[in-house]
Amino acid sequence: MAASEPVVRTSPLQETTIGKSVRYEGVSLHRGEIVCVNFCPAKAGSGIVFVRTDCGVEIPAHADHVVETRLSTTLGMDKIRIQTTEHILAAAYGLGILNLRIELNGPELPIADGSALPYVNLLLDAGIVHPNADAQDRVPMTLDAPLFVAGPQGTAAWISASPLDALDALSLSYTVDYDPPAGAQHFCYDHSPQAFIEQIAPARTFAFMKDVEEMHAAGLALGGSLENAIVFSGLGLLNPEGLRFEDEPVRHKILDLIGDLALLGRPFLGKIEAVRAGHALHLRLVQQILARACTADVSRV
């Protein structure tokens, strides 16, 4: 399907789900295990729910269930965990899918190619529908005043959110500053499903060779490869096919942020700026928004 074709025709405020169940099988990034995932339609108002079919536990995709933010966003309930949720959540949020049942047979989701694009294509193939014509549209969140979350003491990391005059808009900007060859990058993004498909969804996760050995020693990134991650070394980019965007790393940070915003449980309308942030700061921002958010006056949209 051509990128310029309007493939998504749905408002992010409408109660939406997918039209049929679809399946994906692939390796998980950190555990290196083969995992099967079924994406299933869900009724209006049910939200996004992960289901561990190997143990029968359901975990809603909500900030209240986040148990770990190191290198990925992990949800948990009791002792049951679901790791690396952010790419699938970004795909759903980016397309405006508010209700989805995600069934998997292990503790971590497949990494696919390191981006959200395989999941976007799968969900588009399933179709985006309204599960109940009588369902009331979900009212989005916004803010009536800016909020600011600082990173750990001694770092330059921070993230902020503020209201926008345009009540139907979500604007994101992200700044990162890595050692060469990745370097400093900045990207501004105005959200729409089509913009997400074209500008954000293809951006892959990335790593630095100097950190890979440490991750392996900690039992992480066991399923990582040049087929599902961008890898930088002191000599340059290791991926022979090159980058999908010159600033692919910072675009992937926006992808992660969008996935973490899905943990609000409702669309967010406003402006978010992030500098040298990550999943931990994303979560703190989401928690602050949940504590301070008000209902957007969509009657003026």
C-alpha atoms as a PDB file:
ATOM      1  CA  MET A   1       0.000   0.000   0.000  1.00  0.00           C
ATOM      2  CA  ALA A   2       1.456   3.375  -0.967  1.00  0.00           C
ATOM      3  CA  ALA A   3       2.565   5.574   1.927  1.00  0.00           C
ATOM      4  CA  SER A   4       0.561   8.531   0.559  1.00  0.00           C
ATOM      5  CA  GLU A   5      -2.694   6.580   0.532  1.00  0.00           C
ATOM      6  CA  PRO A   6      -5.013   7.423   3.473  1.00  0.00           C
ATOM      7  CA  VAL A   7      -4.890   3.959   5.025  1.00  0.00           C
ATOM      8  CA  VAL A   8      -6.478   4.953   8.337  1.00  0.00           C
ATOM      9  CA  ARG A   9      -9.916   6.530   8.481  1.00  0.00           C
ATOM     10  CA  THR A  10     -10.719   6.728  12.163  1.00  0.00           C
ATOM     11  CA  SER A  11     -10.703   9.402  14.846  1.00  0.00           C
ATOM     12  CA  PRO A  12      -8.394   8.770  17.815  1.00  0.00           C
ATOM     13  CA  LEU A  13     -11.340   9.620  20.075  1.00  0.00           C
ATOM     14  CA  GLN A  14     -13.642   6.897  18.773  1.00  0.00           C
ATOM     15  CA  GLU A  15     -14.021   3.505  20.443  1.00  0.00           C
ATOM     16  CA  THR A  16     -12.152   1.304  17.995  1.00  0.00           C
ATOM     17  CA  THR A  17     -10.819  -2.234  17.791  1.00  0.00           C
ATOM     18  CA  ILE A  18      -9.638  -4.566  15.032  1.00  0.00           C
ATOM     19  CA  GLY A  19     -11.974  -6.398  12.678  1.00  0.00           C
ATOM     20  CA  LYS A  20     -10.511  -9.887  13.065  1.00  0.00           C
ATOM     21  CA  SER A  21      -7.885 -11.792  15.012  1.00  0.00           C
ATOM     22  CA  VAL A  22      -4.351 -11.857  13.604  1.00  0.00           C
ATOM     23  CA  ARG A  23      -1.226 -13.719  14.709  1.00  0.00           C
ATOM     24  CA  TYR A  24       2.480 -12.946  14.932  1.00  0.00           C
ATOM     25  CA  GLU A  25       5.366 -15.204  15.922  1.00  0.00           C
ATOM     26  CA  GLY A  26       8.904 -14.064  16.559  1.00  0.00           C
ATOM     27  CA  VAL A  27      11.887 -13.904  18.885  1.00  0.00           C
ATOM     28  CA  SER A  28      11.880 -11.785  22.044  1.00  0.00           C
ATOM     29  CA  LEU A  29      14.675  -9.230  22.371  1.00  0.00           C
ATOM     30  CA  HIS A  30      15.907  -9.806  25.910  1.00  0.00           C
ATOM     31  CA  ARG A  31      15.054 -13.462  26.550  1.00  0.00           C
ATOM     32  CA  GLY A  32      15.766 -14.718  23.038  1.00  0.00           C
ATOM     33  CA  GLU A  33      12.702 -16.980  23.085  1.00  0.00           C
ATOM     34  CA  ILE A  34      10.168 -17.644  20.317  1.00  0.00           C
ATOM     35  CA  VAL A  35       6.814 -16.141  21.315  1.00  0.00           C
ATOM     36  CA  CYS A  36       3.400 -16.395  19.656  1.00  0.00           C
ATOM     37  CA  VAL A  37       1.043 -13.415  19.889  1.00  0.00           C
ATOM     38  CA  ASN A  38      -2.623 -13.235  18.951  1.00  0.00           C
ATOM     39  CA  PHE A  39      -4.214  -9.815  18.487  1.00  0.00           C
ATOM     40  CA  CYS A  40      -7.957 -10.117  19.083  1.00  0.00           C
ATOM     41  CA  PRO A  41     -10.926  -7.726  18.809  1.00  0.00           C
ATOM     42  CA  ALA A  42     -12.213  -6.311  22.085  1.00  0.00           C
ATOM     43  CA  LYS A  43     -15.456  -4.675  23.097  1.00  0.00           C
ATOM     44  CA  ALA A  44     -15.843  -0.915  23.451  1.00  0.00           C
ATOM     45  CA  GLY A  45     -14.544   0.479  26.734  1.00  0.00           C
ATOM     46  CA  SER A  46     -12.423  -2.566  27.572  1.00  0.00           C
ATOM     47  CA  GLY A  47      -9.117  -0.898  26.705  1.00  0.00           C
ATOM     48  CA  ILE A  48      -5.937  -2.751  25.804  1.00  0.00           C
ATOM     49  CA  VAL A  49      -5.341  -5.909  27.812  1.00  0.00           C
ATOM     50  CA  PHE A  50      -2.429  -8.346  27.685  1.00  0.00           C
ATOM     51  CA  VAL A  51      -3.207 -11.998  28.382  1.00  0.00           C
ATOM     52  CA  ARG A  52      -0.552 -14.545  29.369  1.00  0.00           C
ATOM     53  CA  THR A  53      -2.142 -17.672  27.882  1.00  0.00           C
ATOM     54  CA  ASP A  54       0.512 -19.892  29.477  1.00  0.00           C
ATOM     55  CA  CYS A  55      -0.705 -18.972  32.951  1.00  0.00           C
ATOM     56  CA  GLY A  56      -4.152 -17.439  32.418  1.00  0.00           C
ATOM     57  CA  VAL A  57      -3.355 -13.962  33.780  1.00  0.00           C
ATOM     58  CA  GLU A  58      -4.770 -10.764  32.273  1.00  0.00           C
ATOM     59  CA  ILE A  59      -2.895  -7.473  32.748  1.00  0.00           C
ATOM     60  CA  PRO A  60      -4.426  -4.185  31.575  1.00  0.00           C
ATOM     61  CA  ALA A  61      -2.091  -1.828  29.729  1.00  0.00           C
ATOM     62  CA  HIS A  62      -2.107   0.865  32.380  1.00  0.00           C
ATOM     63  CA  ALA A  63       0.518   2.762  34.337  1.00  0.00           C
ATOM     64  CA  ASP A  64      -0.712   1.135  37.549  1.00  0.00           C
ATOM     65  CA  HIS A  65       0.719  -2.171  36.347  1.00  0.00           C
ATOM     66  CA  VAL A  66       4.217  -1.032  35.345  1.00  0.00           C
ATOM     67  CA  VAL A  67       6.808  -2.907  37.401  1.00  0.00           C
ATOM     68  CA  GLU A  68      10.061  -2.207  35.519  1.00  0.00           C
ATOM     69  CA  THR A  69      11.363   0.459  33.136  1.00  0.00           C
ATOM     70  CA  ARG A  70      14.963  -0.657  32.592  1.00  0.00           C
ATOM     71  CA  LEU A  71      15.574  -0.870  28.822  1.00  0.00           C
ATOM     72  CA  SER A  72      11.860  -1.518  28.195  1.00  0.00           C
ATOM     73  CA  THR A  73       8.447  -1.136  29.794  1.00  0.00           C
ATOM     74  CA  THR A  74       7.415  -4.217  31.752  1.00  0.00           C
ATOM     75  CA  LEU A  75       3.906  -4.781  33.063  1.00  0.00           C
ATOM     76  CA  GLY A  76       3.182  -7.111  35.931  1.00  0.00           C
ATOM     77  CA  MET A  77       0.578  -8.521  38.273  1.00  0.00           C
ATOM     78  CA  ASP A  78       1.629 -10.563  41.290  1.00  0.00           C
ATOM     79  CA  LYS A  79       4.674 -12.461  39.975  1.00  0.00           C
ATOM     80  CA  ILE A  80       3.592 -12.538  36.320  1.00  0.00           C
ATOM     81  CA  ARG A  81       5.478 -10.253  33.932  1.00  0.00           C
ATOM     82  CA  ILE A  82       5.094  -9.038  30.341  1.00  0.00           C
ATOM     83  CA  GLN A  83       8.236  -7.365  29.041  1.00  0.00           C
ATOM     84  CA  THR A  84       8.911  -5.023  26.091  1.00  0.00           C
ATOM     85  CA  THR A  85       5.328  -3.830  25.671  1.00  0.00           C
ATOM     86  CA  GLU A  86       6.105  -0.416  24.205  1.00  0.00           C
ATOM     87  CA  HIS A  87       6.347  -1.226  20.473  1.00  0.00           C
ATOM     88  CA  ILE A  88       3.016  -3.030  20.300  1.00  0.00           C
ATOM     89  CA  LEU A  89       1.368  -0.332  22.418  1.00  0.00           C
ATOM     90  CA  ALA A  90       2.830   2.343  20.133  1.00  0.00           C
ATOM     91  CA  ALA A  91       1.358   0.584  17.100  1.00  0.00           C
ATOM     92  CA  ALA A  92      -2.106   0.505  18.676  1.00  0.00           C
ATOM     93  CA  TYR A  93      -1.965   4.073  20.023  1.00  0.00           C
ATOM     94  CA  GLY A  94      -0.494   5.377  16.792  1.00  0.00           C
ATOM     95  CA  LEU A  95      -3.366   3.925  14.768  1.00  0.00           C
ATOM     96  CA  GLY A  96      -6.025   5.059  17.235  1.00  0.00           C
ATOM     97  CA  ILE A  97      -6.949   1.543  18.404  1.00  0.00           C
ATOM     98  CA  LEU A  98      -8.319   1.858  21.927  1.00  0.00           C
ATOM     99  CA  ASN A  99      -9.593  -1.677  22.557  1.00  0.00           C
ATOM    100  CA  LEU A 100      -7.461  -4.744  21.941  1.00  0.00           C
ATOM    101  CA  ARG A 101      -6.838  -8.138  23.483  1.00  0.00           C
ATOM    102  CA  ILE A 102      -3.196  -9.221  23.119  1.00  0.00           C
ATOM    103  CA  GLU A 103      -2.622 -12.879  23.928  1.00  0.00           C
ATOM    104  CA  LEU A 104       0.931 -14.225  24.268  1.00  0.00           C
ATOM    105  CA  ASN A 105       2.412 -17.489  25.496  1.00  0.00           C
ATOM    106  CA  GLY A 106       5.446 -16.122  27.306  1.00  0.00           C
ATOM    107  CA  PRO A 107       6.844 -13.314  29.465  1.00  0.00           C
ATOM    108  CA  GLU A 108       8.095 -11.061  26.650  1.00  0.00           C
ATOM    109  CA  LEU A 109       6.681  -9.818  23.357  1.00  0.00           C
ATOM    110  CA  PRO A 110       8.499 -10.422  20.057  1.00  0.00           C
ATOM    111  CA  ILE A 111      10.838  -7.657  18.954  1.00  0.00           C
ATOM    112  CA  ALA A 112       9.964  -8.139  15.237  1.00  0.00           C
ATOM    113  CA  ASP A 113      12.391  -5.956  13.236  1.00  0.00           C
ATOM    114  CA  GLY A 114      12.968  -3.604  16.171  1.00  0.00           C
ATOM    115  CA  SER A 115      10.317  -1.130  15.068  1.00  0.00           C
ATOM    116  CA  ALA A 116       6.529  -0.909  15.309  1.00  0.00           C
ATOM    117  CA  LEU A 117       5.990  -1.245  11.563  1.00  0.00           C
ATOM    118  CA  PRO A 118       5.379  -5.037  11.425  1.00  0.00           C
ATOM    119  CA  TYR A 119       2.698  -4.630  14.082  1.00  0.00           C
ATOM    120  CA  VAL A 120       1.204  -1.620  12.311  1.00  0.00           C
ATOM    121  CA  ASN A 121       0.896  -3.611   9.087  1.00  0.00           C
ATOM    122  CA  LEU A 122      -0.627  -6.562  10.933  1.00  0.00           C
ATOM    123  CA  LEU A 123      -3.233  -4.389  12.655  1.00  0.00           C
ATOM    124  CA  LEU A 124      -4.071  -2.612   9.405  1.00  0.00           C
ATOM    125  CA  ASP A 125      -4.570  -6.001   7.742  1.00  0.00           C
ATOM    126  CA  ALA A 126      -6.972  -6.895  10.552  1.00  0.00           C
ATOM    127  CA  GLY A 127      -8.922  -3.697   9.878  1.00  0.00           C
ATOM    128  CA  ILE A 128      -9.899  -0.918  12.284  1.00  0.00           C
ATOM    129  CA  VAL A 129     -13.583  -0.977  13.198  1.00  0.00           C
ATOM    130  CA  HIS A 130     -16.108   0.309  15.725  1.00  0.00           C
ATOM    131  CA  PRO A 131     -17.159  -2.655  17.883  1.00  0.00           C
ATOM    132  CA  ASN A 132     -20.451  -1.052  18.898  1.00  0.00           C
ATOM    133  CA  ALA A 133     -22.165   1.637  16.872  1.00  0.00           C
ATOM    134  CA  ASP A 134     -23.849   2.917  20.044  1.00  0.00           C
ATOM    135  CA  ALA A 135     -20.625   3.204  22.032  1.00  0.00           C
ATOM    136  CA  GLN A 136     -19.819   6.680  23.272  1.00  0.00           C
ATOM    137  CA  ASP A 137     -16.534   8.154  22.087  1.00  0.00           C
ATOM    138  CA  ARG A 138     -13.779   8.073  24.697  1.00  0.00           C
ATOM    139  CA  VAL A 139     -13.065  11.541  26.082  1.00  0.00           C
ATOM    140  CA  PRO A 140      -9.360  12.382  25.832  1.00  0.00           C
ATOM    141  CA  MET A 141      -7.123  13.773  28.556  1.00  0.00           C
ATOM    142  CA  THR A 142      -5.497  17.178  28.558  1.00  0.00           C
ATOM    143  CA  LEU A 143      -3.944  19.552  31.077  1.00  0.00           C
ATOM    144  CA  ASP A 144      -4.973  22.955  32.365  1.00  0.00           C
ATOM    145  CA  ALA A 145      -1.391  23.899  33.304  1.00  0.00           C
ATOM    146  CA  PRO A 146       2.122  22.737  32.333  1.00  0.00           C
ATOM    147  CA  LEU A 147       3.944  20.066  34.305  1.00  0.00           C
ATOM    148  CA  PHE A 148       7.662  19.293  34.456  1.00  0.00           C
ATOM    149  CA  VAL A 149       9.470  16.129  35.507  1.00  0.00           C
ATOM    150  CA  ALA A 150      13.221  16.268  36.118  1.00  0.00           C
ATOM    151  CA  GLY A 151      15.521  13.318  35.633  1.00  0.00           C
ATOM    152  CA  PRO A 152      17.902  11.914  38.262  1.00  0.00           C
ATOM    153  CA  GLN A 153      20.028  14.460  40.080  1.00  0.00           C
ATOM    154  CA  GLY A 154      23.200  15.248  38.199  1.00  0.00           C
ATOM    155  CA  THR A 155      21.707  14.512  34.773  1.00  0.00           C
ATOM    156  CA  ALA A 156      20.351  16.836  32.101  1.00  0.00           C
ATOM    157  CA  ALA A 157      17.304  14.634  31.489  1.00  0.00           C
ATOM    158  CA  TRP A 158      13.786  16.028  31.736  1.00  0.00           C
ATOM    159  CA  ILE A 159      10.308  15.754  30.257  1.00  0.00           C
ATOM    160  CA  SER A 160       7.371  18.152  30.273  1.00  0.00           C
ATOM    161  CA  ALA A 161       3.766  18.351  29.145  1.00  0.00           C
ATOM    162  CA  SER A 162       1.532  21.347  28.524  1.00  0.00           C
ATOM    163  CA  PRO A 163      -1.862  22.126  27.006  1.00  0.00           C
ATOM    164  CA  LEU A 164      -2.233  23.224  23.390  1.00  0.00           C
ATOM    165  CA  ASP A 165      -4.663  25.757  21.967  1.00  0.00           C
ATOM    166  CA  ALA A 166      -5.732  23.180  19.388  1.00  0.00           C
ATOM    167  CA  LEU A 167      -7.674  20.708  21.522  1.00  0.00           C
ATOM    168  CA  ASP A 168      -7.499  17.919  18.955  1.00  0.00           C
ATOM    169  CA  ALA A 169      -3.689  17.905  18.687  1.00  0.00           C
ATOM    170  CA  LEU A 170      -0.781  15.909  20.112  1.00  0.00           C
ATOM    171  CA  SER A 171       2.674  17.355  19.516  1.00  0.00           C
ATOM    172  CA  LEU A 172       5.867  15.595  20.605  1.00  0.00           C
ATOM    173  CA  SER A 173       9.479  16.726  20.503  1.00  0.00           C
ATOM    174  CA  TYR A 174      12.494  14.706  21.600  1.00  0.00           C
ATOM    175  CA  THR A 175      16.180  15.527  22.006  1.00  0.00           C
ATOM    176  CA  VAL A 176      18.964  12.984  22.549  1.00  0.00           C
ATOM    177  CA  ASP A 177      22.725  13.408  22.830  1.00  0.00           C
ATOM    178  CA  TYR A 178      24.852  10.307  22.339  1.00  0.00           C
ATOM    179  CA  ASP A 179      28.504   9.727  21.623  1.00  0.00           C
ATOM    180  CA  PRO A 180      29.450   9.616  17.925  1.00  0.00           C
ATOM    181  CA  PRO A 181      28.492   8.240  15.512  1.00  0.00           C
ATOM    182  CA  ALA A 182      24.882   8.636  16.721  1.00  0.00           C
ATOM    183  CA  GLY A 183      25.518  12.109  18.157  1.00  0.00           C
ATOM    184  CA  ALA A 184      22.942  14.757  19.048  1.00  0.00           C
ATOM    185  CA  GLN A 185      19.523  14.469  17.427  1.00  0.00           C
ATOM    186  CA  HIS A 186      16.232  16.339  17.689  1.00  0.00           C
ATOM    187  CA  PHE A 187      12.856  15.601  16.123  1.00  0.00           C
ATOM    188  CA  CYS A 188       9.458  17.310  16.305  1.00  0.00           C
ATOM    189  CA  TYR A 189       6.361  15.284  15.538  1.00  0.00           C
ATOM    190  CA  ASP A 190       2.695  16.245  15.152  1.00  0.00           C
ATOM    191  CA  HIS A 191       0.647  13.123  15.642  1.00  0.00           C
ATOM    192  CA  SER A 192      -1.811  11.603  13.234  1.00  0.00           C
ATOM    193  CA  PRO A 193      -2.193   7.953  12.243  1.00  0.00           C
ATOM    194  CA  GLN A 194      -0.716   8.606   8.808  1.00  0.00           C
ATOM    195  CA  ALA A 195       2.202  10.622  10.215  1.00  0.00           C
ATOM    196  CA  PHE A 196       2.874   7.818  12.671  1.00  0.00           C
ATOM    197  CA  ILE A 197       2.969   5.217   9.902  1.00  0.00           C
ATOM    198  CA  GLU A 198       5.342   7.252   7.765  1.00  0.00           C
ATOM    199  CA  GLN A 199       7.582   9.077  10.267  1.00  0.00           C
ATOM    200  CA  ILE A 200       7.747   7.004  13.470  1.00  0.00           C
ATOM    201  CA  ALA A 201       6.619   3.384  13.095  1.00  0.00           C
ATOM    202  CA  PRO A 202       9.590   2.284  10.894  1.00  0.00           C
ATOM    203  CA  ALA A 203      12.234   3.566  13.369  1.00  0.00           C
ATOM    204  CA  ARG A 204      14.110   0.647  14.952  1.00  0.00           C
ATOM    205  CA  THR A 205      15.457   0.189  18.443  1.00  0.00           C
ATOM    206  CA  PHE A 206      19.170   0.814  18.778  1.00  0.00           C
ATOM    207  CA  ALA A 207      22.164  -0.068  20.921  1.00  0.00           C
ATOM    208  CA  PHE A 208      25.842   0.713  21.302  1.00  0.00           C
ATOM    209  CA  MET A 209      28.362  -2.097  21.002  1.00  0.00           C
ATOM    210  CA  LYS A 210      30.059  -1.015  24.227  1.00  0.00           C
ATOM    211  CA  ASP A 211      26.804  -1.722  26.090  1.00  0.00           C
ATOM    212  CA  VAL A 212      25.900  -5.009  24.405  1.00  0.00           C
ATOM    213  CA  GLU A 213      28.379  -7.124  26.371  1.00  0.00           C
ATOM    214  CA  GLU A 214      27.094  -5.649  29.640  1.00  0.00           C
ATOM    215  CA  MET A 215      23.521  -6.471  28.639  1.00  0.00           C
ATOM    216  CA  HIS A 216      24.483 -10.023  27.721  1.00  0.00           C
ATOM    217  CA  ALA A 217      26.224 -10.434  31.074  1.00  0.00           C
ATOM    218  CA  ALA A 218      23.012  -9.296  32.774  1.00  0.00           C
ATOM    219  CA  GLY A 219      20.947 -11.813  30.797  1.00  0.00           C
ATOM    220  CA  LEU A 220      19.487  -9.153  28.495  1.00  0.00           C
ATOM    221  CA  ALA A 221      19.391  -8.633  24.720  1.00  0.00           C
ATOM    222  CA  LEU A 222      19.883 -12.381  24.180  1.00  0.00           C
ATOM    223  CA  GLY A 223      17.653 -12.249  21.093  1.00  0.00           C
ATOM    224  CA  GLY A 224      19.188  -9.075  19.697  1.00  0.00           C
ATOM    225  CA  SER A 225      20.791  -9.035  16.235  1.00  0.00           C
ATOM    226  CA  LEU A 226      21.366  -6.724  13.305  1.00  0.00           C
ATOM    227  CA  GLU A 227      18.013  -7.980  11.998  1.00  0.00           C
ATOM    228  CA  ASN A 228      16.077  -6.386  14.870  1.00  0.00           C
ATOM    229  CA  ALA A 229      18.232  -3.505  16.113  1.00  0.00           C
ATOM    230  CA  ILE A 230      20.503  -0.711  14.954  1.00  0.00           C
ATOM    231  CA  VAL A 231      23.957  -1.182  16.471  1.00  0.00           C
ATOM    232  CA  PHE A 232      26.609   1.526  16.656  1.00  0.00           C
ATOM    233  CA  SER A 233      30.281   0.943  17.388  1.00  0.00           C
ATOM    234  CA  GLY A 234      33.169   3.362  17.706  1.00  0.00           C
ATOM    235  CA  LEU A 235      33.842   2.771  14.022  1.00  0.00           C
ATOM    236  CA  GLY A 236      30.300   3.572  12.878  1.00  0.00           C
ATOM    237  CA  LEU A 237      27.032   1.827  12.092  1.00  0.00           C
ATOM    238  CA  LEU A 238      27.263  -1.973  11.952  1.00  0.00           C
ATOM    239  CA  ASN A 239      24.034  -2.573   9.990  1.00  0.00           C
ATOM    240  CA  PRO A 240      24.995  -3.134   6.334  1.00  0.00           C
ATOM    241  CA  GLU A 241      21.658  -1.826   5.014  1.00  0.00           C
ATOM    242  CA  GLY A 242      22.126   1.534   6.745  1.00  0.00           C
ATOM    243  CA  LEU A 243      19.554   3.680   8.530  1.00  0.00           C
ATOM    244  CA  ARG A 244      15.918   4.122   7.560  1.00  0.00           C
ATOM    245  CA  PHE A 245      16.154   7.790   8.606  1.00  0.00           C
ATOM    246  CA  GLU A 246      19.227   9.897   9.284  1.00  0.00           C
ATOM    247  CA  ASP A 247      17.804  10.529  12.755  1.00  0.00           C
ATOM    248  CA  GLU A 248      16.343   7.054  13.292  1.00  0.00           C
ATOM    249  CA  PRO A 249      17.394   6.784  16.975  1.00  0.00           C
ATOM    250  CA  VAL A 250      15.512   9.885  18.113  1.00  0.00           C
ATOM    251  CA  ARG A 251      12.474   8.854  16.094  1.00  0.00           C
ATOM    252  CA  HIS A 252      12.552   5.526  17.910  1.00  0.00           C
ATOM    253  CA  LYS A 253      12.594   7.401  21.221  1.00  0.00           C
ATOM    254  CA  ILE A 254       9.354   9.079  20.123  1.00  0.00           C
ATOM    255  CA  LEU A 255       7.994   5.635  19.238  1.00  0.00           C
ATOM    256  CA  ASP A 256       8.794   4.456  22.778  1.00  0.00           C
ATOM    257  CA  LEU A 257       7.162   7.564  24.232  1.00  0.00           C
ATOM    258  CA  ILE A 258       3.980   6.975  22.231  1.00  0.00           C
ATOM    259  CA  GLY A 259       3.889   3.385  23.461  1.00  0.00           C
ATOM    260  CA  ASP A 260       4.270   4.545  27.048  1.00  0.00           C
ATOM    261  CA  LEU A 261       1.540   7.176  26.570  1.00  0.00           C
ATOM    262  CA  ALA A 262      -0.831   4.304  25.801  1.00  0.00           C
ATOM    263  CA  LEU A 263      -0.550   3.462  29.510  1.00  0.00           C
ATOM    264  CA  LEU A 264      -2.794   6.461  30.215  1.00  0.00           C
ATOM    265  CA  GLY A 265      -5.749   4.394  29.018  1.00  0.00           C
ATOM    266  CA  ARG A 266      -7.103   7.351  27.035  1.00  0.00           C
ATOM    267  CA  PRO A 267      -5.763   9.574  24.261  1.00  0.00           C
ATOM    268  CA  PHE A 268      -3.767  12.595  25.432  1.00  0.00           C
ATOM    269  CA  LEU A 269      -4.050  15.984  23.752  1.00  0.00           C
ATOM    270  CA  GLY A 270      -1.250  18.463  24.350  1.00  0.00           C
ATOM    271  CA  LYS A 271       2.439  19.119  23.850  1.00  0.00           C
ATOM    272  CA  ILE A 272       5.203  16.925  25.265  1.00  0.00           C
ATOM    273  CA  GLU A 273       8.903  17.776  25.204  1.00  0.00           C
ATOM    274  CA  ALA A 274      11.560  15.254  26.227  1.00  0.00           C
ATOM    275  CA  VAL A 275      15.307  15.705  26.604  1.00  0.00           C
ATOM    276  CA  ARG A 276      17.578  12.700  27.212  1.00  0.00           C
ATOM    277  CA  ALA A 277      14.625  10.855  28.688  1.00  0.00           C
ATOM    278  CA  GLY A 278      13.678   7.169  28.666  1.00  0.00           C
ATOM    279  CA  HIS A 279      11.033   4.755  29.911  1.00  0.00           C
ATOM    280  CA  ALA A 280      11.458   5.729  33.570  1.00  0.00           C
ATOM    281  CA  LEU A 281      10.812   9.412  32.857  1.00  0.00           C
ATOM    282  CA  HIS A 282       8.018   8.529  30.436  1.00  0.00           C
ATOM    283  CA  LEU A 283       6.297   6.613  33.229  1.00  0.00           C
ATOM    284  CA  ARG A 284       6.710   9.447  35.717  1.00  0.00           C
ATOM    285  CA  LEU A 285       5.170  11.816  33.180  1.00  0.00           C
ATOM    286  CA  VAL A 286       2.248   9.456  32.596  1.00  0.00           C
ATOM    287  CA  GLN A 287       1.695   9.205  36.346  1.00  0.00           C
ATOM    288  CA  GLN A 288       1.715  13.008  36.662  1.00  0.00           C
ATOM    289  CA  ILE A 289      -0.736  13.376  33.782  1.00  0.00           C
ATOM    290  CA  LEU A 290      -3.064  10.844  35.395  1.00  0.00           C
ATOM    291  CA  ALA A 291      -2.902  12.780  38.657  1.00  0.00           C
ATOM    292  CA  ARG A 292      -3.496  16.193  37.100  1.00  0.00           C
ATOM    293  CA  ALA A 293      -5.339  15.621  33.831  1.00  0.00           C
ATOM    294  CA  CYS A 294      -8.686  17.161  33.079  1.00  0.00           C
ATOM    295  CA  THR A 295     -11.248  16.289  30.418  1.00  0.00           C
ATOM    296  CA  ALA A 296     -10.725  17.917  27.044  1.00  0.00           C
ATOM    297  CA  ASP A 297     -13.620  20.058  25.799  1.00  0.00           C
ATOM    298  CA  VAL A 298     -13.937  18.209  22.528  1.00  0.00           C
ATOM    299  CA  SER A 299     -17.153  20.090  21.767  1.00  0.00           C
ATOM    300  CA  ARG A 300     -14.851  22.901  20.558  1.00  0.00           C
ATOM    301  CA  VAL A 301     -12.814  20.625  18.293  1.00  0.00           C
END
